[in-house]
Protein backbone atom coordinates (compact mmCIF):
# COMPACT_ATOMS: atom_id res chain seq x y z
CA MET A 1 -187.34 133.24 57.50
CA SER A 2 -186.55 136.30 55.48
CA LYS A 3 -187.25 136.74 51.80
CA GLU A 4 -183.56 136.88 50.96
CA ILE A 5 -182.96 133.43 52.42
CA LYS A 6 -185.92 132.02 50.55
CA VAL A 7 -184.65 133.50 47.28
CA ALA A 8 -181.16 132.11 47.92
CA LEU A 9 -182.50 128.63 48.71
CA LEU A 10 -184.68 128.74 45.62
CA GLY A 11 -181.67 129.73 43.49
CA ILE A 12 -179.57 126.89 44.94
CA VAL A 13 -182.34 124.38 44.26
CA ALA A 14 -182.74 125.69 40.70
CA LEU A 15 -178.99 125.43 40.04
CA ALA A 16 -178.93 121.90 41.46
CA ALA A 17 -181.92 120.89 39.30
CA LEU A 18 -180.28 122.47 36.26
CA TYR A 19 -177.05 120.55 36.88
CA VAL A 20 -178.89 117.28 37.42
CA GLY A 21 -181.06 117.85 34.35
CA PHE A 22 -178.08 118.76 32.21
CA ASN A 23 -176.23 115.60 33.23
CA PHE A 24 -179.39 113.58 32.72
CA LEU A 25 -179.69 114.91 29.19
CA LYS A 26 -176.05 113.95 28.67
CA GLY A 27 -176.92 110.43 29.78
CA SER A 28 -175.61 110.56 33.34
CA ASN A 29 -177.94 110.07 36.24
CA LEU A 30 -176.44 111.47 39.46
CA LEU A 31 -179.15 109.96 41.61
CA SER A 32 -178.68 106.42 40.38
CA SER A 33 -176.67 103.71 42.08
CA ASP A 34 -174.82 102.69 38.90
CA ARG A 35 -171.14 101.82 39.12
CA THR A 36 -168.39 103.42 37.09
CA TYR A 37 -165.50 101.54 35.47
CA TYR A 38 -162.70 102.69 33.18
CA ALA A 39 -161.12 101.54 29.93
CA LYS A 40 -158.27 103.03 27.91
CA TYR A 41 -158.11 103.21 24.07
CA ASP A 42 -155.61 104.55 21.55
CA ASN A 43 -158.32 106.19 19.39
CA VAL A 44 -161.99 106.80 20.16
CA ASP A 45 -162.94 108.51 16.87
CA GLY A 46 -166.76 108.32 16.57
CA LEU A 47 -167.35 107.64 20.28
CA THR A 48 -169.25 110.33 22.21
CA ILE A 49 -170.53 110.74 25.75
CA GLY A 50 -173.84 108.95 26.11
CA ASN A 51 -173.06 106.17 23.60
CA PRO A 52 -174.38 102.82 24.80
CA VAL A 53 -172.50 99.99 26.48
CA ILE A 54 -173.82 96.67 25.16
CA LEU A 55 -173.87 93.24 26.78
CA ASN A 56 -175.31 90.33 24.76
CA GLY A 57 -177.14 92.83 22.53
CA ILE A 58 -178.78 94.74 25.43
CA LYS A 59 -177.83 98.20 26.68
CA VAL A 60 -176.48 97.89 30.24
CA GLY A 61 -174.79 101.28 30.52
CA GLN A 62 -173.37 104.28 28.75
CA VAL A 63 -170.24 106.29 28.21
CA LYS A 64 -170.01 108.81 31.05
CA GLN A 65 -166.79 110.68 30.42
CA MET A 66 -163.69 110.73 28.21
CA GLU A 67 -160.28 112.06 29.26
CA LEU A 68 -157.05 112.48 27.28
CA LEU A 69 -153.90 111.11 28.97
CA PRO A 70 -150.82 112.98 27.65
CA GLU A 71 -148.51 111.03 29.96
CA GLU A 72 -149.59 107.75 28.31
CA ARG A 73 -148.89 108.74 24.69
CA ASN A 74 -152.22 110.57 24.39
CA ARG A 75 -154.36 107.57 25.08
CA VAL A 76 -158.01 108.20 25.98
CA LYS A 77 -159.51 107.14 29.31
CA VAL A 78 -163.21 106.36 28.97
CA ALA A 79 -165.53 106.16 31.99
CA LEU A 80 -168.25 103.51 31.65
CA GLU A 81 -171.34 103.75 33.82
CA LEU A 82 -172.87 100.30 34.23
CA GLN A 83 -176.04 99.17 35.92
CA LYS A 84 -175.65 97.81 39.45
CA GLY A 85 -176.80 94.34 38.46
CA VAL A 86 -174.00 93.85 35.92
CA THR A 87 -171.06 91.94 37.42
CA VAL A 88 -167.65 92.52 35.86
CA GLY A 89 -164.19 91.35 36.85
CA ASP A 90 -160.62 90.83 35.80
CA SER A 91 -161.65 88.77 32.75
CA THR A 92 -164.12 91.31 31.35
CA VAL A 93 -163.14 92.93 28.05
CA ALA A 94 -164.56 96.28 26.86
CA SER A 95 -164.42 96.13 23.05
CA LEU A 96 -164.71 99.35 21.05
CA SER A 97 -166.38 98.74 17.67
CA GLY A 98 -167.98 100.90 15.02
CA SER A 99 -171.03 100.68 12.71
CA LEU A 100 -171.47 101.42 9.02
CA LEU A 101 -172.83 104.89 9.86
CA GLY A 102 -169.64 105.86 11.75
CA SER A 103 -170.97 105.78 15.34
CA LYS A 104 -169.22 103.55 17.87
CA THR A 105 -170.31 101.49 20.84
CA ILE A 106 -168.56 99.58 23.62
CA THR A 107 -169.42 95.90 23.92
CA LEU A 108 -168.68 93.88 27.07
CA PHE A 109 -167.42 90.29 26.88
CA LEU A 110 -167.62 88.47 30.21
CA GLY A 111 -165.45 85.51 31.17
CA LYS A 112 -164.65 83.45 34.25
CA ASN A 113 -163.58 86.08 36.72
CA SER A 114 -161.04 85.30 39.41
CA LYS A 115 -161.75 88.72 40.94
CA THR A 116 -164.98 90.69 40.94
CA TYR A 117 -164.90 94.49 40.65
CA GLU A 118 -167.01 96.75 42.82
CA GLY A 119 -166.54 100.01 40.87
CA GLY A 120 -163.69 102.31 39.87
CA GLU A 121 -161.46 99.56 38.41
CA GLU A 122 -159.96 99.52 34.94
CA LEU A 123 -161.31 96.94 32.46
CA LYS A 124 -159.34 95.26 29.70
CA SER A 125 -159.79 97.16 26.41
CA TYR A 126 -159.83 96.01 22.81
CA THR A 127 -160.44 97.95 19.58
CA VAL A 128 -162.08 96.21 16.61
CA ALA A 129 -160.75 97.32 13.24
CA SER A 130 -163.44 99.26 11.38
CA ILE A 131 -164.33 99.02 7.72
CA THR A 132 -162.58 102.35 7.14
CA ASP A 133 -159.38 101.05 8.70
CA ALA A 134 -159.56 97.86 6.61
CA PHE A 135 -160.16 99.90 3.48
CA GLN A 136 -157.23 102.15 4.26
CA ALA A 137 -155.04 99.13 4.91
CA ARG A 138 -155.99 97.73 1.54
CA ALA A 139 -155.97 101.04 -0.33
CA LEU A 140 -152.62 102.41 0.79
CA PRO A 141 -150.53 99.67 -0.91
CA VAL A 142 -152.63 100.07 -4.06
CA LEU A 143 -152.13 103.82 -4.02
CA GLY A 144 -148.40 103.30 -3.63
CA THR A 145 -148.41 100.97 -6.62
CA VAL A 146 -150.39 103.48 -8.69
CA ASP A 147 -148.00 106.24 -7.67
CA SER A 148 -144.97 104.20 -8.70
CA THR A 149 -146.71 103.32 -11.99
CA LEU A 150 -147.36 106.98 -12.73
CA ILE A 151 -143.72 107.76 -11.98
CA LYS A 152 -142.65 105.07 -14.45
CA VAL A 153 -145.06 106.39 -17.07
CA ASN A 154 -143.70 109.92 -16.61
CA SER A 155 -140.15 108.64 -16.95
CA PHE A 156 -141.16 106.68 -20.06
CA LEU A 157 -142.60 109.79 -21.67
CA SER A 158 -139.34 111.40 -22.68
CA LYS A 159 -139.05 114.73 -24.45
CA ASP A 160 -139.36 113.12 -27.88
CA ALA A 161 -142.34 111.07 -26.75
CA ARG A 162 -144.05 114.16 -25.35
CA VAL A 163 -143.40 116.04 -28.59
CA SER A 164 -144.81 113.13 -30.59
CA LEU A 165 -147.83 112.98 -28.31
CA GLN A 166 -148.41 116.71 -28.71
CA ALA A 167 -148.13 116.34 -32.49
CA THR A 168 -150.67 113.51 -32.37
CA LEU A 169 -153.04 115.66 -30.34
CA LEU A 170 -152.59 118.53 -32.81
CA ASN A 171 -153.30 116.20 -35.73
CA ALA A 172 -156.40 114.95 -33.96
CA GLN A 173 -157.50 118.54 -33.41
CA GLY A 174 -156.87 119.32 -37.10
CA SER A 175 -158.88 116.27 -38.13
CA THR A 176 -161.71 117.43 -35.90
CA GLU A 177 -161.65 120.88 -37.46
CA ALA A 178 -161.59 119.36 -40.97
CA LEU A 179 -164.54 117.15 -40.10
CA LYS A 180 -166.38 120.16 -38.71
CA ASN A 181 -165.75 122.15 -41.91
CA LEU A 182 -166.84 119.18 -44.01
CA LEU A 183 -170.08 118.96 -42.09
CA ILE A 184 -170.67 122.68 -42.53
CA MET A 185 -170.01 122.48 -46.28
CA ASN A 186 -172.32 119.50 -46.71
CA GLN A 187 -175.02 120.77 -44.39
CA ARG A 188 -177.43 121.17 -47.31
CA ASN A 189 -176.86 117.59 -48.46
CA ILE A 190 -177.28 116.36 -44.93
CA ASN A 191 -180.56 118.25 -44.65
CA GLU A 192 -181.75 116.72 -47.94
CA ILE A 193 -180.76 113.25 -46.75
CA THR A 194 -182.64 113.82 -43.51
CA THR A 195 -185.71 115.02 -45.45
CA ASN A 196 -185.54 111.99 -47.75
CA MET A 197 -185.27 109.69 -44.76
CA ALA A 198 -188.34 111.33 -43.24
CA LYS A 199 -190.27 110.87 -46.52
CA LEU A 200 -189.08 107.26 -46.75
CA THR A 201 -190.23 106.62 -43.20
CA LYS A 202 -193.64 108.13 -44.01
CA GLU A 203 -193.98 105.99 -47.14
CA LEU A 204 -192.95 102.92 -45.19
CA ASN A 205 -195.68 103.67 -42.68
CA VAL A 206 -198.24 103.86 -45.53
CA THR A 207 -196.88 100.62 -47.02
CA SER A 208 -197.08 99.00 -43.61
CA LYS A 209 -200.77 99.91 -43.42
CA LYS A 210 -201.31 98.35 -46.86
CA PHE A 211 -199.54 95.20 -45.74
CA ASP A 212 -201.79 95.15 -42.71
CA ARG A 213 -204.85 95.28 -44.98
CA ILE A 214 -203.40 92.51 -47.17
CA ALA A 215 -202.76 90.40 -44.10
CA GLY A 216 -206.34 91.03 -42.99
CA ASN A 217 -207.64 89.96 -46.42
CA PHE A 218 -205.56 86.79 -46.27
CA ALA A 219 -206.95 86.10 -42.83
CA VAL A 220 -210.51 86.49 -44.16
CA LEU A 221 -209.65 84.23 -47.13
CA SER A 222 -208.17 81.66 -44.79
CA ASP A 223 -211.32 81.71 -42.65
CA SER A 224 -213.47 81.35 -45.80
CA LEU A 225 -211.43 78.38 -46.99
CA LYS A 226 -211.66 76.91 -43.52
CA ASN A 227 -215.44 77.20 -43.53
CA ALA A 228 -215.85 76.11 -47.19
CA PRO A 229 -217.25 72.57 -47.85
CA VAL A 230 -213.93 71.21 -49.07
CA GLY A 231 -214.57 67.77 -47.60
CA PRO A 232 -217.64 66.87 -49.73
CA ALA A 233 -215.99 68.24 -52.87
CA MET A 234 -212.88 66.17 -52.25
CA ARG A 235 -215.02 63.09 -51.63
CA LYS A 236 -216.86 63.65 -54.94
CA LEU A 237 -213.56 64.17 -56.74
CA ASN A 238 -212.22 61.00 -55.19
CA ALA A 239 -215.30 59.06 -56.31
CA THR A 240 -214.96 60.48 -59.86
CA MET A 241 -211.30 59.51 -60.01
CA THR A 242 -212.21 56.01 -58.79
CA GLU A 243 -214.83 55.66 -61.54
CA ALA A 244 -212.39 56.93 -64.19
CA GLN A 245 -209.78 54.46 -62.97
CA SER A 246 -212.34 51.64 -63.16
CA ALA A 247 -213.27 52.71 -66.73
CA MET A 248 -209.63 52.79 -67.80
CA THR A 249 -209.14 49.37 -66.27
CA GLY A 250 -212.11 48.04 -68.30
CA VAL A 251 -210.79 49.59 -71.51
CA ASN A 252 -207.35 48.15 -70.88
CA LYS A 253 -208.87 44.73 -70.21
CA ALA A 254 -210.96 44.93 -73.41
CA LEU A 255 -207.89 45.84 -75.45
CA THR A 256 -205.80 43.02 -74.02
CA ASP A 257 -208.56 40.38 -74.25
CA GLN A 258 -208.03 38.55 -77.58
CA LYS A 259 -211.51 37.05 -77.48
CA GLY A 260 -213.28 40.40 -77.78
CA SER A 261 -213.71 42.51 -80.90
CA LEU A 262 -211.23 45.23 -79.81
CA GLY A 263 -208.71 42.60 -78.75
CA LYS A 264 -208.96 40.80 -82.06
CA LEU A 265 -208.82 44.08 -83.98
CA ILE A 266 -205.62 45.08 -82.19
CA ASN A 267 -203.91 41.71 -81.66
CA ASP A 268 -204.98 39.70 -84.79
CA THR A 269 -202.56 40.20 -87.73
CA THR A 270 -205.01 38.88 -90.36
CA LEU A 271 -206.89 42.15 -90.62
CA TYR A 272 -203.62 43.99 -90.94
CA ASN A 273 -202.42 41.68 -93.71
CA ASN A 274 -205.74 41.95 -95.58
CA LEU A 275 -205.69 45.73 -95.36
CA ASN A 276 -202.07 45.75 -96.48
CA ALA A 277 -202.88 43.44 -99.47
CA THR A 278 -205.89 45.58 -100.42
CA ALA A 279 -203.77 48.70 -100.33
CA ALA A 280 -201.13 47.01 -102.50
CA SER A 281 -203.75 45.87 -105.03
CA SER A 282 -205.27 49.34 -105.14
CA ASN A 283 -201.85 50.82 -105.70
CA ALA A 284 -201.08 48.35 -108.55
CA LEU A 285 -204.47 49.01 -110.14
CA ILE A 286 -203.91 52.79 -110.05
CA LYS A 287 -200.49 52.39 -111.58
CA ASP A 288 -201.87 50.12 -114.37
CA LEU A 289 -204.74 52.57 -114.93
CA GLN A 290 -202.26 55.37 -115.35
CA ALA A 291 -200.08 53.28 -117.68
CA ASN A 292 -202.88 51.74 -119.83
CA PRO A 293 -205.94 53.96 -119.62
CA LYS A 294 -207.35 52.54 -122.89
CA ASN A 295 -207.73 49.15 -121.31
CA TYR A 296 -210.26 50.58 -118.86
CA VAL A 297 -212.00 53.51 -120.52
CA HIS A 298 -213.55 53.20 -124.08
CA PHE A 299 -216.89 54.39 -125.37
CA SER A 300 -218.66 53.03 -128.46
CA VAL A 301 -221.02 55.38 -130.18
CA PHE A 302 -223.11 52.68 -131.75
CA GLY A 303 -223.08 50.21 -128.99
CA GLY A 304 -221.95 46.64 -129.01
CA GLY A 305 -218.46 45.64 -129.89
CA LYS A 306 -215.97 42.98 -129.80
CA ALA A 307 -214.87 41.11 -126.81
CA LYS A 308 -211.85 42.64 -125.19
CA SER A 309 -209.19 41.10 -122.99
CA LYS A 310 -208.54 42.64 -119.53
CA THR A 311 -205.54 42.20 -117.27
CA GLU A 312 -206.25 42.06 -113.50
CA THR A 313 -203.47 42.17 -110.90
CA THR A 314 -204.29 40.82 -107.44
CA LYS A 315 -202.02 40.71 -104.36
CA LYS A 316 -202.74 37.99 -101.88
CA PRO A 317 -202.53 38.48 -98.10
CA ASP A 318 -199.29 36.54 -98.00
CA GLY A 319 -197.71 39.11 -100.36
CA GLU A 320 -197.94 37.09 -103.61
CA VAL A 321 -198.99 39.11 -106.71
CA LYS A 322 -201.28 37.35 -109.22
CA VAL A 323 -201.87 38.64 -112.79
CA GLU A 324 -204.94 37.30 -114.72
CA GLN A 325 -206.18 37.93 -118.28
CA LYS A 326 -209.99 38.18 -118.56
CA THR A 327 -212.26 38.62 -121.64
CA VAL A 328 -215.02 41.20 -121.31
CA THR A 329 -218.02 41.10 -123.71
CA PRO A 330 -219.90 44.36 -123.69
CA ALA A 331 -223.65 44.46 -123.73
CA PRO A 332 -225.48 46.08 -126.69
CA GLY A 333 -225.84 49.85 -126.40
CA VAL A 334 -223.34 50.08 -123.45
CA PRO A 335 -220.07 51.87 -123.92
CA THR A 336 -217.24 49.42 -124.04
CA PRO A 337 -213.92 50.21 -122.40
CA GLN A 338 -210.99 49.80 -124.79
């Protein structure tokens, strides 16, 4: 065999291996005994060649080819390569569904087949509405409503309303400028206020530290009072108060008992009457002494003298006043009251 023939055979083998490898990388195995079936869809957005075909959650095949059919309103014919052990028929449905990430898969739903397919037949197709389609279906009416609302708002804003709105915006802009100028003019005052606030905050921090120390001192005082022997002192005070109460009870009993000296002194009216009579007699004597001093005071130089009469006034306890005349004979050599 010549070299040219060997090179040609080697090139043919290399091209065949390249074609088989390329199709294998695309997901198609030319050497396998898998069967090919077809399904038609209106839109296969997100579906690519090599996407899996799922049955009961397990991959049993893949998408082999997609072809546009202009004669059938641009529907798409999808070739499904299934494993040889998968049995499909006239009741099998190939459902096209999508995921949240945008990729799509074809899921097979098997039923009771009246006819079993051997390969090359067309399966029933069904397209599950995606989240994007549902969102668009919901969003389009809302967008229409918003559009109509904006149209109504634009119609409501007449020329006068637009002029008024522009004037309002201009007034707001003027107010903003005035506020800006006011801030610029009072920048010094604002700086002073800020400085004062900073000083006040610093002083409050110092005061807070002082309050912390006071709280600590109170805590120490509370602990000292807690550990102090308050119980014995209170017991002694209680005993002292009990003794004082007993003493006061005894004094009260002695004052109310009419048999004792204090009871008689307080409750017996005789002593009071006697003291009252004595006071009255003393008062009458002082008055008589002031009125008749010669009857009580007289001095004799030579001693002796005549007998003199003396008037004595006495008030009895019952209030009766008694006046008596008495004769006084002076002794020799003793001054005699006249």
